[in-house]
Amino acid sequence: MTTAVRLLEPRGVSAIAAVLAGAGAALAFPPFGFLVGLLGYGVLMSLLDAADPNRPLRSAFWRGWLAGAVFFLISTWWISEAFFVDAEAHAWQAPFAIAFLAGGLGLFWGLAGLVYRALKPKGPLRVLVFAGVFCLVEWLRGHVLTGFPWDLAGESWRAGTPVSQLAALVGAYGLGWITVAISAAPVLLLDEGDRRLRFGAAAVAALTLAGAYAYGAARLAAAAPIPATAPVVRVVQADIDEEPDYSQARLQQIVDRYVRLTAQPAARTPDIVIWPEGAIPAAANDYLAEGSWTRAAIEGALRPGQSLMVGAYRVAGPPDAPIFFNTLLALREEPGGLRLTGRYDKFRLVPFGEYLPLARVLKPLGINKLVNVSDGFTPGPPPRPIAPEGMPRVQPLICYESLFPGFTRAGARAGGRPSWIVNVSDDAWFGRTYGPLQHLNLASYRAIEEGLPIVRATPTGVSAVIDAYGRIRPGAKLNHGEIGNIDSPLPGALAPTPYTRIGEMIFCAFLIVSLLCAMIGRICLRQA
């Protein structure tokens, strides 16, 4: 029995340790950056090793679930802010939604605990078994039903820092395996048995971390400057809060603010102007209709040859059976006025936000989606880049889609590799919480994985121009509550990264290593 197991045997101590393990892992993420909290993964592994021997699987499940529920409570509580936009209709749902979300996602951690304990790994190799089981379940969390890959373990490192650069090789899931293994390794120092083996394994983990820093630092040092011929993008952040309804006067104010910011003079006229998701709270069919005052205002703000990318919702289908899409439109100002040059319809919709799962069951209970659009949005076709006239080929990511590793890679297989990524998002739903700050960090990992810059536009912050290494360009960021523009040359794309070329193959290799370690452990256990 190891020292760590003896320390965690009392039931009350184990519960407290599970809470601390989940909280520590959650606080490692930006904006907190409490990286010591990553040791929570080692605490969780020890908790599973110390599970009640009379009912080990049940005990391991509940310990994993408790740690996971705390992790997701800290990581996602800010979602409750969305229910207070229309407080009269939805506020009562907020505590139930958070409890359901944290408790439901905690089941994944519980499953990881159960599987790990069922394998009964022993010795230093159990660190790799734990990393494999935990990260396989993380992958499931990102894919089951619609998937919710928020705060994957590998994304604990602030995007743009040296360790985060490993995502270009192994992706966020592969970096999670490395992160969890390194974070759990210090527990080995408390084991009993061969001292050289225990300290040797911990030393390997330390050297791996040092190697990750060295690789990332070298990669960042090799970054090339942006060429002078790069197109200039203007990101417009109007600081418009989400509201349950909009009067005609309020609509006028919103349009006026966007067109005023768009028309502001600059040392170099922007080639591309980007407005966020849901910038204008009306159907694009209406505010872009020929002869409308809104279309005239937008045309007046743009110069000939400029392109506007705007997140909007549009209506399709017959009048008696309309279909609604969450869309990114690309428009170009020409002598005759605006012309549509590209369109992307959101593929991955937010459950309970943009559509209601199990609507027949939940609607009679008074539960409805947050977006007040008919029966909800319809998903568009699978992702692929668009190539609007006058701008480089681009992969749009609308809000939630920026959480998914491999999303842009999948689009590139269908429509060719883009030169950049545009991420329009409506983080105004989440107020001045740290949810939008974490969303910025997670979205930045897509830049590292793909070797592509990202231009991110939100109505209330945080908007930014991010290079292909996941770094925010100096002076190219607007924080919460700021009104203004970001004018920046578009950072260049890198050559396709290993992750772009082979996807999750290295992560799969890591899982095979974990499986082999589990098999070796079982063989050694039988021979003991």
Protein backbone atom coordinates (compact mmCIF):
# COMPACT_ATOMS: atom_id res chain seq x y z
CA MET A 1 0.00 0.00 0.00
CA THR A 2 1.46 3.36 -1.02
CA THR A 3 1.76 6.38 1.24
CA ALA A 4 -0.73 8.26 -0.93
CA VAL A 5 -3.28 5.46 -0.62
CA ARG A 6 -2.98 5.39 3.18
CA LEU A 7 -3.47 9.14 3.37
CA LEU A 8 -6.64 9.01 1.29
CA GLU A 9 -8.32 6.01 2.93
CA PRO A 10 -10.74 7.79 5.33
CA ARG A 11 -14.01 8.48 3.52
CA GLY A 12 -14.27 12.14 4.56
CA VAL A 13 -10.69 12.83 3.56
CA SER A 14 -11.29 11.19 0.18
CA ALA A 15 -14.31 13.38 -0.51
CA ILE A 16 -12.37 16.54 0.34
CA ALA A 17 -9.46 15.37 -1.80
CA ALA A 18 -11.82 14.73 -4.75
CA VAL A 19 -13.21 18.26 -4.44
CA LEU A 20 -9.69 19.69 -4.33
CA ALA A 21 -8.58 17.56 -7.29
CA GLY A 22 -11.43 18.81 -9.48
CA ALA A 23 -11.04 22.41 -8.33
CA GLY A 24 -7.27 22.36 -8.87
CA ALA A 25 -7.59 21.04 -12.41
CA ALA A 26 -10.25 23.67 -13.22
CA LEU A 27 -8.19 26.56 -11.83
CA ALA A 28 -5.22 25.61 -14.01
CA PHE A 29 -7.07 27.02 -17.04
CA PRO A 30 -6.84 30.65 -18.08
CA PRO A 31 -7.71 33.21 -16.88
CA PHE A 32 -6.63 31.71 -13.52
CA GLY A 33 -3.45 30.02 -14.74
CA PHE A 34 -2.93 28.15 -11.43
CA LEU A 35 -0.79 25.47 -13.07
CA VAL A 36 0.02 23.81 -9.74
CA GLY A 37 -3.63 22.77 -9.88
CA LEU A 38 -2.67 20.25 -12.57
CA LEU A 39 -1.44 18.08 -9.70
CA GLY A 40 -5.14 17.47 -9.15
CA TYR A 41 -4.93 14.74 -11.79
CA GLY A 42 -2.34 12.97 -9.63
CA VAL A 43 -4.58 13.34 -6.58
CA LEU A 44 -7.47 11.86 -8.56
CA MET A 45 -5.34 8.89 -9.63
CA SER A 46 -4.39 8.25 -6.01
CA LEU A 47 -8.04 8.48 -4.99
CA LEU A 48 -8.88 5.78 -7.51
CA ASP A 49 -5.98 3.64 -6.29
CA ALA A 50 -7.35 4.02 -2.74
CA ALA A 51 -10.95 3.14 -3.64
CA ASP A 52 -12.86 1.12 -1.03
CA PRO A 53 -11.61 -2.49 -1.47
CA ASN A 54 -15.06 -3.84 -0.53
CA ARG A 55 -16.70 -2.10 -3.50
CA PRO A 56 -13.82 -0.69 -5.55
CA LEU A 57 -15.64 0.03 -8.81
CA ARG A 58 -18.51 1.85 -7.16
CA SER A 59 -16.14 3.79 -4.95
CA ALA A 60 -13.91 4.76 -7.88
CA PHE A 61 -16.89 5.89 -9.93
CA TRP A 62 -18.22 8.21 -7.24
CA ARG A 63 -14.80 9.65 -6.47
CA GLY A 64 -14.26 10.38 -10.16
CA TRP A 65 -17.76 11.81 -10.47
CA LEU A 66 -17.33 14.15 -7.48
CA ALA A 67 -14.02 15.49 -8.80
CA GLY A 68 -15.56 15.93 -12.26
CA ALA A 69 -18.70 17.64 -10.98
CA VAL A 70 -16.58 20.19 -9.12
CA PHE A 71 -14.37 20.67 -12.18
CA PHE A 72 -17.33 21.38 -14.45
CA LEU A 73 -19.11 23.51 -11.86
CA ILE A 74 -16.12 25.86 -11.83
CA SER A 75 -15.55 25.59 -15.58
CA THR A 76 -19.11 26.17 -16.77
CA TRP A 77 -21.13 28.00 -14.07
CA TRP A 78 -21.03 31.17 -16.22
CA ILE A 79 -23.52 29.52 -18.59
CA SER A 80 -26.15 30.53 -16.03
CA GLU A 81 -25.72 34.15 -17.18
CA ALA A 82 -27.51 33.30 -20.42
CA PHE A 83 -30.68 32.44 -18.52
CA PHE A 84 -30.88 35.96 -17.11
CA VAL A 85 -30.98 37.70 -20.49
CA ASP A 86 -34.70 36.99 -20.50
CA ALA A 87 -35.01 36.48 -16.75
CA GLU A 88 -38.80 36.33 -16.71
CA ALA A 89 -38.86 33.36 -19.07
CA HIS A 90 -35.67 31.50 -18.19
CA ALA A 91 -34.12 32.54 -14.85
CA TRP A 92 -35.80 29.69 -12.97
CA GLN A 93 -33.96 27.21 -15.21
CA ALA A 94 -30.47 28.48 -14.32
CA PRO A 95 -29.75 26.42 -11.16
CA PHE A 96 -31.19 23.29 -12.74
CA ALA A 97 -29.16 23.81 -15.91
CA ILE A 98 -25.88 24.22 -14.02
CA ALA A 99 -26.57 21.24 -11.77
CA PHE A 100 -27.53 19.11 -14.77
CA LEU A 101 -24.51 20.21 -16.78
CA ALA A 102 -21.90 19.83 -14.03
CA GLY A 103 -23.38 16.60 -12.73
CA GLY A 104 -23.92 15.16 -16.20
CA LEU A 105 -20.44 15.96 -17.47
CA GLY A 106 -19.04 14.65 -14.18
CA LEU A 107 -20.31 11.22 -15.25
CA PHE A 108 -17.49 11.11 -17.79
CA TRP A 109 -14.93 11.48 -15.01
CA GLY A 110 -16.83 8.85 -13.05
CA LEU A 111 -16.60 6.50 -16.02
CA ALA A 112 -12.86 7.15 -16.25
CA GLY A 113 -12.50 6.29 -12.57
CA LEU A 114 -14.46 3.08 -12.94
CA VAL A 115 -12.49 1.87 -15.99
CA TYR A 116 -9.13 2.77 -14.47
CA ARG A 117 -9.93 0.92 -11.26
CA ALA A 118 -11.24 -2.10 -13.18
CA LEU A 119 -7.86 -2.37 -14.92
CA LYS A 120 -6.07 -2.46 -11.51
CA PRO A 121 -2.80 -1.00 -12.82
CA LYS A 122 0.24 -1.18 -10.55
CA GLY A 123 3.65 0.48 -10.41
CA PRO A 124 4.91 3.51 -12.33
CA LEU A 125 3.24 2.45 -15.59
CA ARG A 126 -0.16 3.13 -14.03
CA VAL A 127 0.44 6.83 -14.75
CA LEU A 128 0.22 6.11 -18.49
CA VAL A 129 -2.80 3.86 -17.97
CA PHE A 130 -4.56 6.65 -16.08
CA ALA A 131 -3.67 9.20 -18.79
CA GLY A 132 -5.00 6.90 -21.50
CA VAL A 133 -8.28 6.09 -19.75
CA PHE A 134 -8.90 9.70 -18.74
CA CYS A 135 -8.16 11.16 -22.18
CA LEU A 136 -10.14 8.50 -24.02
CA VAL A 137 -13.13 9.56 -21.93
CA GLU A 138 -12.28 13.21 -22.71
CA TRP A 139 -12.47 12.28 -26.40
CA LEU A 140 -15.87 10.70 -25.78
CA ARG A 141 -17.03 13.89 -24.07
CA GLY A 142 -16.11 15.77 -27.22
CA HIS A 143 -18.11 13.43 -29.47
CA VAL A 144 -21.06 11.83 -27.62
CA LEU A 145 -24.35 13.33 -28.80
CA THR A 146 -23.25 16.72 -30.17
CA GLY A 147 -20.10 16.74 -28.00
CA PHE A 148 -18.98 19.37 -25.50
CA PRO A 149 -15.16 19.60 -25.56
CA TRP A 150 -14.93 22.57 -23.18
CA ASP A 151 -11.69 22.82 -21.16
CA LEU A 152 -9.96 19.70 -22.42
CA ALA A 153 -6.99 18.80 -20.20
CA GLY A 154 -4.51 19.63 -22.96
CA GLU A 155 -5.88 23.17 -23.20
CA SER A 156 -4.90 23.99 -19.61
CA TRP A 157 -1.82 25.79 -20.94
CA ARG A 158 -2.44 29.34 -22.13
CA ALA A 159 -2.53 29.29 -25.93
CA GLY A 160 0.59 30.78 -27.47
CA THR A 161 2.92 29.64 -24.68
CA PRO A 162 5.68 27.10 -25.38
CA VAL A 163 3.93 23.97 -24.10
CA SER A 164 0.76 24.80 -26.05
CA GLN A 165 2.77 24.46 -29.28
CA LEU A 166 2.69 20.68 -28.89
CA ALA A 167 -0.90 20.88 -30.16
CA ALA A 168 0.59 21.39 -33.64
CA LEU A 169 2.02 17.87 -33.35
CA VAL A 170 -0.55 15.93 -31.36
CA GLY A 171 -3.70 18.07 -31.15
CA ALA A 172 -5.55 19.03 -28.00
CA TYR A 173 -6.43 15.42 -27.12
CA GLY A 174 -2.84 14.24 -27.52
CA LEU A 175 -1.58 17.18 -25.47
CA GLY A 176 -4.12 16.17 -22.84
CA TRP A 177 -2.54 12.71 -22.60
CA ILE A 178 0.90 14.27 -22.11
CA THR A 179 -0.45 16.81 -19.59
CA VAL A 180 -2.28 14.26 -17.47
CA ALA A 181 0.66 11.84 -17.46
CA ILE A 182 3.13 14.54 -16.42
CA SER A 183 0.73 15.88 -13.78
CA ALA A 184 0.11 12.47 -12.24
CA ALA A 185 3.77 11.41 -12.19
CA PRO A 186 4.76 13.22 -8.92
CA VAL A 187 2.48 10.81 -7.03
CA LEU A 188 4.99 8.08 -7.82
CA LEU A 189 7.41 9.69 -5.35
CA LEU A 190 5.06 8.56 -2.56
CA ASP A 191 5.03 4.94 -3.72
CA GLU A 192 6.78 2.13 -1.91
CA GLY A 193 9.20 -0.25 -3.61
CA ASP A 194 12.15 0.32 -5.89
CA ARG A 195 13.27 3.89 -5.23
CA ARG A 196 15.28 4.17 -8.44
CA LEU A 197 12.31 3.08 -10.54
CA ARG A 198 9.96 5.57 -8.88
CA PHE A 199 12.34 8.51 -9.06
CA GLY A 200 13.37 7.53 -12.57
CA ALA A 201 9.76 7.65 -13.78
CA ALA A 202 9.22 11.05 -12.14
CA ALA A 203 12.44 12.29 -13.73
CA VAL A 204 11.22 11.17 -17.17
CA ALA A 205 8.05 13.21 -16.63
CA ALA A 206 10.11 16.27 -15.66
CA LEU A 207 12.34 15.87 -18.70
CA THR A 208 9.29 15.52 -20.93
CA LEU A 209 7.94 18.80 -19.60
CA ALA A 210 11.32 20.47 -20.14
CA GLY A 211 11.42 19.07 -23.66
CA ALA A 212 7.94 20.45 -24.36
CA TYR A 213 9.07 23.91 -23.26
CA ALA A 214 12.21 23.67 -25.41
CA TYR A 215 10.29 22.54 -28.50
CA GLY A 216 7.67 25.27 -28.07
CA ALA A 217 10.24 27.99 -27.46
CA ALA A 218 12.16 26.98 -30.59
CA ARG A 219 8.97 26.92 -32.65
CA LEU A 220 7.97 30.39 -31.48
CA ALA A 221 11.47 31.74 -32.11
CA ALA A 222 11.22 30.65 -35.75
CA ALA A 223 8.09 32.72 -36.41
CA ALA A 224 8.35 34.92 -39.50
CA PRO A 225 7.11 38.53 -39.64
CA ILE A 226 3.85 39.36 -41.40
CA PRO A 227 4.49 40.42 -45.01
CA ALA A 228 3.72 44.04 -45.90
CA THR A 229 1.32 42.86 -48.63
CA ALA A 230 -0.96 41.01 -46.19
CA PRO A 231 -4.60 42.12 -46.33
CA VAL A 232 -5.78 44.31 -43.47
CA VAL A 233 -8.75 43.14 -41.42
CA ARG A 234 -10.92 45.35 -39.25
CA VAL A 235 -12.76 43.67 -36.36
CA VAL A 236 -15.69 45.73 -35.11
CA GLN A 237 -16.69 45.37 -31.44
CA ALA A 238 -19.73 47.52 -30.69
CA ASP A 239 -20.27 46.37 -27.07
CA ILE A 240 -23.93 45.49 -27.56
CA ASP A 241 -25.34 43.41 -24.70
CA GLU A 242 -27.78 40.60 -25.39
CA GLU A 243 -31.40 41.62 -24.82
CA PRO A 244 -34.65 39.63 -24.83
CA ASP A 245 -36.27 41.97 -27.36
CA TYR A 246 -35.34 44.96 -29.48
CA SER A 247 -37.45 47.99 -30.29
CA GLN A 248 -37.14 49.82 -33.58
CA ALA A 249 -35.30 52.64 -31.80
CA ARG A 250 -32.81 50.18 -30.28
CA LEU A 251 -32.27 48.53 -33.66
CA GLN A 252 -31.49 51.97 -35.09
CA GLN A 253 -28.91 52.59 -32.33
CA ILE A 254 -27.20 49.24 -32.95
CA VAL A 255 -26.98 49.71 -36.71
CA ASP A 256 -25.70 53.26 -36.26
CA ARG A 257 -22.92 52.09 -33.93
CA TYR A 258 -21.75 49.33 -36.27
CA VAL A 259 -21.73 51.52 -39.37
CA ARG A 260 -19.98 54.35 -37.52
CA LEU A 261 -17.20 52.05 -36.33
CA THR A 262 -16.96 50.48 -39.79
CA ALA A 263 -16.58 53.84 -41.51
CA GLN A 264 -13.88 55.22 -39.18
CA PRO A 265 -10.82 56.33 -41.17
CA ALA A 266 -7.55 54.41 -40.90
CA ALA A 267 -3.97 54.83 -42.05
CA ARG A 268 -4.57 51.92 -44.43
CA THR A 269 -8.09 51.16 -45.55
CA PRO A 270 -9.11 47.70 -44.28
CA ASP A 271 -9.69 45.10 -46.97
CA ILE A 272 -12.03 43.00 -44.83
CA VAL A 273 -14.43 44.19 -42.11
CA ILE A 274 -15.78 41.61 -39.65
CA TRP A 275 -18.90 41.94 -37.53
CA PRO A 276 -19.67 39.30 -34.87
CA GLU A 277 -22.35 36.63 -34.66
CA GLY A 278 -25.80 38.16 -34.36
CA ALA A 279 -24.47 41.67 -34.88
CA ILE A 280 -27.81 43.03 -36.09
CA PRO A 281 -30.77 41.58 -34.12
CA ALA A 282 -32.95 40.96 -37.17
CA ALA A 283 -33.14 38.49 -40.02
CA ALA A 284 -30.53 39.13 -42.70
CA ASN A 285 -33.30 38.72 -45.27
CA ASP A 286 -34.88 41.89 -43.85
CA TYR A 287 -31.95 44.17 -43.05
CA LEU A 288 -30.14 43.38 -46.30
CA ALA A 289 -33.27 43.64 -48.44
CA GLU A 290 -33.06 45.92 -51.47
CA GLY A 291 -34.30 49.40 -50.60
CA SER A 292 -34.11 48.95 -46.81
CA TRP A 293 -32.63 51.74 -44.70
CA THR A 294 -30.31 49.22 -43.01
CA ARG A 295 -28.81 48.08 -46.31
CA ALA A 296 -28.32 51.68 -47.35
CA ALA A 297 -26.56 52.46 -44.05
CA ILE A 298 -24.20 49.50 -44.43
CA GLU A 299 -23.43 50.39 -48.05
CA GLY A 300 -22.66 53.94 -46.96
CA ALA A 301 -20.13 52.73 -44.38
CA LEU A 302 -18.13 50.58 -46.80
CA ARG A 303 -15.76 51.70 -49.53
CA PRO A 304 -15.71 50.16 -53.02
CA GLY A 305 -13.79 46.89 -53.00
CA GLN A 306 -14.17 46.35 -49.25
CA SER A 307 -15.64 43.07 -48.00
CA LEU A 308 -17.88 42.66 -44.97
CA MET A 309 -18.23 39.39 -43.07
CA VAL A 310 -21.18 39.40 -40.69
CA GLY A 311 -22.74 36.79 -38.44
CA ALA A 312 -26.50 36.74 -38.93
CA TYR A 313 -29.53 34.53 -39.02
CA ARG A 314 -31.34 33.98 -42.26
CA VAL A 315 -34.67 32.50 -43.24
CA ALA A 316 -35.13 29.98 -46.04
CA GLY A 317 -37.94 27.73 -47.24
CA PRO A 318 -41.58 28.53 -47.98
CA PRO A 319 -43.40 31.20 -45.90
CA ASP A 320 -45.67 28.60 -44.28
CA ALA A 321 -42.70 26.40 -43.24
CA PRO A 322 -39.66 28.65 -42.77
CA ILE A 323 -36.24 27.24 -41.95
CA PHE A 324 -33.75 29.27 -39.91
CA PHE A 325 -29.95 29.13 -40.22
CA ASN A 326 -27.22 30.69 -38.10
CA THR A 327 -25.06 32.06 -40.89
CA LEU A 328 -21.91 33.93 -41.77
CA LEU A 329 -22.39 36.13 -44.84
CA ALA A 330 -19.58 37.56 -46.97
CA LEU A 331 -20.56 40.74 -48.82
CA ARG A 332 -18.56 42.95 -51.16
CA GLU A 333 -19.15 46.66 -51.77
CA GLU A 334 -19.24 47.40 -55.49
CA PRO A 335 -20.35 50.42 -57.55
CA GLY A 336 -23.84 48.95 -57.73
CA GLY A 337 -24.00 48.27 -53.98
CA LEU A 338 -23.55 45.17 -51.83
CA ARG A 339 -23.12 41.78 -53.47
CA LEU A 340 -23.21 38.41 -51.70
CA THR A 341 -19.92 36.58 -52.36
CA GLY A 342 -20.00 33.77 -49.82
CA ARG A 343 -22.12 32.06 -47.19
CA TYR A 344 -21.55 29.52 -44.45
CA ASP A 345 -24.33 27.97 -42.37
CA LYS A 346 -23.41 26.80 -38.88
CA PHE A 347 -23.03 23.03 -38.73
CA ARG A 348 -22.69 22.34 -34.99
CA LEU A 349 -25.55 23.89 -33.06
CA VAL A 350 -25.68 24.49 -29.32
CA PRO A 351 -28.14 22.14 -27.57
CA PHE A 352 -30.70 24.03 -25.45
CA GLY A 353 -29.33 27.26 -26.93
CA GLU A 354 -30.03 26.99 -30.66
CA TYR A 355 -32.20 23.90 -30.66
CA LEU A 356 -34.05 21.86 -28.05
CA PRO A 357 -33.20 18.15 -27.79
CA LEU A 358 -36.13 15.89 -26.89
CA ALA A 359 -38.49 18.79 -27.56
CA ARG A 360 -41.63 16.65 -27.23
CA VAL A 361 -40.65 15.72 -23.67
CA LEU A 362 -39.14 19.00 -22.47
CA LYS A 363 -41.51 21.58 -23.93
CA PRO A 364 -44.49 20.45 -21.79
CA LEU A 365 -42.24 20.97 -18.74
CA GLY A 366 -41.77 24.62 -19.67
CA ILE A 367 -38.18 24.11 -20.88
CA ASN A 368 -37.26 25.84 -24.10
CA LYS A 369 -34.18 26.92 -26.01
CA LEU A 370 -32.61 30.28 -25.23
CA VAL A 371 -32.57 31.66 -28.77
CA ASN A 372 -36.05 32.87 -29.59
CA VAL A 373 -36.18 31.75 -33.23
CA SER A 374 -39.19 29.65 -34.17
CA ASP A 375 -38.44 25.96 -33.46
CA GLY A 376 -34.71 26.62 -33.49
CA PHE A 377 -31.98 26.66 -36.07
CA THR A 378 -31.36 23.99 -38.70
CA PRO A 379 -27.77 22.77 -39.06
CA GLY A 380 -25.98 23.56 -42.28
CA PRO A 381 -23.93 21.08 -44.33
CA PRO A 382 -20.62 19.69 -42.97
CA PRO A 383 -17.86 22.31 -42.75
CA ARG A 384 -15.85 23.44 -45.71
CA PRO A 385 -13.99 26.68 -46.44
CA ILE A 386 -15.48 29.47 -48.50
CA ALA A 387 -13.61 31.61 -51.04
CA PRO A 388 -15.37 34.98 -51.28
CA GLU A 389 -14.16 37.30 -54.01
CA GLY A 390 -11.42 39.64 -52.85
CA MET A 391 -10.19 37.67 -49.85
CA PRO A 392 -8.13 34.52 -49.14
CA ARG A 393 -9.94 31.21 -48.70
CA VAL A 394 -11.31 31.07 -45.15
CA GLN A 395 -12.89 28.53 -42.81
CA PRO A 396 -15.68 30.11 -40.74
CA LEU A 397 -16.26 28.89 -37.18
CA ILE A 398 -19.43 30.21 -35.62
CA CYS A 399 -19.16 30.41 -31.82
CA TYR A 400 -19.46 26.84 -30.42
CA GLU A 401 -17.70 25.34 -33.45
CA SER A 402 -14.36 26.78 -32.31
CA LEU A 403 -14.27 24.25 -29.45
CA PHE A 404 -13.85 21.23 -31.72
CA PRO A 405 -10.37 19.95 -32.60
CA GLY A 406 -10.22 18.81 -36.21
CA PHE A 407 -13.20 20.88 -37.38
CA THR A 408 -11.14 22.98 -39.80
CA ARG A 409 -9.13 19.93 -40.86
CA ALA A 410 -12.37 18.16 -41.79
CA GLY A 411 -13.46 21.16 -43.83
CA ALA A 412 -10.12 21.28 -45.63
CA ARG A 413 -10.54 17.69 -46.78
CA ALA A 414 -13.80 18.71 -48.42
CA GLY A 415 -12.91 22.10 -49.86
CA GLY A 416 -9.14 22.65 -49.75
CA ARG A 417 -6.95 24.12 -47.02
CA PRO A 418 -7.91 27.67 -46.06
CA SER A 419 -5.44 30.52 -45.47
CA TRP A 420 -7.12 31.64 -42.25
CA ILE A 421 -10.00 31.07 -39.87
CA VAL A 422 -12.69 33.57 -38.92
CA ASN A 423 -14.49 32.96 -35.63
CA VAL A 424 -17.62 35.03 -35.06
CA SER A 425 -19.23 34.51 -31.68
CA ASP A 426 -21.98 36.01 -29.52
CA ASP A 427 -20.36 35.78 -26.08
CA ALA A 428 -22.59 38.64 -24.92
CA TRP A 429 -24.86 35.90 -23.57
CA PHE A 430 -22.31 35.26 -20.80
CA GLY A 431 -21.82 38.79 -19.51
CA ARG A 432 -18.57 39.86 -17.85
CA THR A 433 -17.73 36.37 -16.59
CA TYR A 434 -14.57 34.44 -17.41
CA GLY A 435 -16.47 32.24 -19.88
CA PRO A 436 -15.58 34.45 -22.88
CA LEU A 437 -11.94 34.57 -21.73
CA GLN A 438 -11.78 30.78 -21.70
CA HIS A 439 -13.56 30.65 -25.05
CA LEU A 440 -10.80 32.87 -26.48
CA ASN A 441 -8.12 30.48 -25.17
CA LEU A 442 -9.87 27.39 -26.51
CA ALA A 443 -10.45 28.94 -29.93
CA SER A 444 -6.77 29.90 -30.10
CA TYR A 445 -5.84 26.20 -29.93
CA ARG A 446 -7.45 25.72 -33.32
CA ALA A 447 -4.84 28.13 -34.71
CA ILE A 448 -1.98 26.10 -33.22
CA GLU A 449 -3.39 22.77 -34.40
CA GLU A 450 -3.94 23.94 -37.95
CA GLY A 451 -1.06 26.42 -38.35
CA LEU A 452 -3.59 29.07 -39.39
CA PRO A 453 -4.34 32.54 -38.01
CA ILE A 454 -7.72 33.23 -36.46
CA VAL A 455 -9.64 36.50 -36.49
CA ARG A 456 -12.20 36.48 -33.71
CA ALA A 457 -15.13 38.92 -33.48
CA THR A 458 -17.57 39.18 -30.56
CA PRO A 459 -20.11 41.92 -29.72
CA THR A 460 -18.90 42.59 -26.14
CA GLY A 461 -15.42 41.01 -25.97
CA VAL A 462 -13.06 39.38 -26.22
CA SER A 463 -12.24 40.11 -29.88
CA ALA A 464 -8.73 39.50 -31.16
CA VAL A 465 -6.43 38.74 -34.08
CA ILE A 466 -4.48 35.55 -33.32
CA ASP A 467 -1.47 34.31 -35.24
CA ALA A 468 -0.83 30.72 -36.34
CA TYR A 469 0.98 30.02 -33.05
CA GLY A 470 -2.06 30.91 -30.94
CA ARG A 471 -0.66 34.29 -29.87
CA ILE A 472 -2.72 37.46 -29.81
CA ARG A 473 -1.00 40.08 -31.94
CA PRO A 474 0.23 43.13 -29.99
CA GLY A 475 -2.50 45.75 -29.83
CA ALA A 476 -4.99 43.46 -31.59
CA LYS A 477 -7.37 42.74 -28.74
CA LEU A 478 -10.53 44.35 -27.36
CA ASN A 479 -11.50 43.29 -23.84
CA HIS A 480 -14.88 43.05 -22.16
CA GLY A 481 -16.89 46.23 -22.44
CA GLU A 482 -14.63 47.99 -24.92
CA ILE A 483 -16.04 49.72 -27.98
CA GLY A 484 -13.82 50.07 -31.01
CA ASN A 485 -12.01 48.50 -33.91
CA ILE A 486 -9.02 46.25 -34.34
CA ASP A 487 -7.12 47.05 -37.51
CA SER A 488 -4.46 44.46 -38.19
CA PRO A 489 -2.66 42.84 -41.10
CA LEU A 490 -3.74 39.24 -41.43
CA PRO A 491 -0.99 36.96 -40.01
CA GLY A 492 0.36 34.40 -42.41
CA ALA A 493 -0.46 30.70 -42.52
CA LEU A 494 2.21 28.10 -41.78
CA ALA A 495 2.88 24.94 -43.71
CA PRO A 496 0.41 22.19 -42.78
CA THR A 497 1.20 20.96 -39.27
CA PRO A 498 1.64 17.27 -38.39
CA TYR A 499 -1.80 17.44 -36.77
CA THR A 500 -3.27 18.83 -40.01
CA ARG A 501 -1.72 15.96 -41.94
CA ILE A 502 -2.52 12.98 -39.71
CA GLY A 503 -5.13 14.21 -37.25
CA GLU A 504 -5.55 12.09 -34.13
CA MET A 505 -3.16 9.31 -35.21
CA ILE A 506 -0.54 10.23 -32.59
CA PHE A 507 -3.25 10.43 -29.93
CA CYS A 508 -4.34 6.94 -30.98
CA ALA A 509 -0.73 5.79 -30.62
CA PHE A 510 -0.71 7.21 -27.08
CA LEU A 511 -3.86 5.23 -26.29
CA ILE A 512 -2.20 2.06 -27.61
CA VAL A 513 0.78 2.72 -25.31
CA SER A 514 -1.65 3.06 -22.40
CA LEU A 515 -3.35 -0.20 -23.36
CA LEU A 516 0.01 -2.01 -23.54
CA CYS A 517 0.94 -0.63 -20.11
CA ALA A 518 -2.36 -1.92 -18.72
CA MET A 519 -1.69 -5.36 -20.22
CA ILE A 520 1.85 -5.43 -18.80
CA GLY A 521 0.46 -4.47 -15.42
CA ARG A 522 -2.09 -7.29 -15.48
CA ILE A 523 0.59 -9.81 -16.44
CA CYS A 524 2.83 -8.63 -13.61
CA LEU A 525 -0.12 -8.79 -11.20
CA ARG A 526 -0.80 -12.44 -12.12
CA GLN A 527 2.85 -13.35 -11.67
CA ALA A 528 3.13 -11.63 -8.29
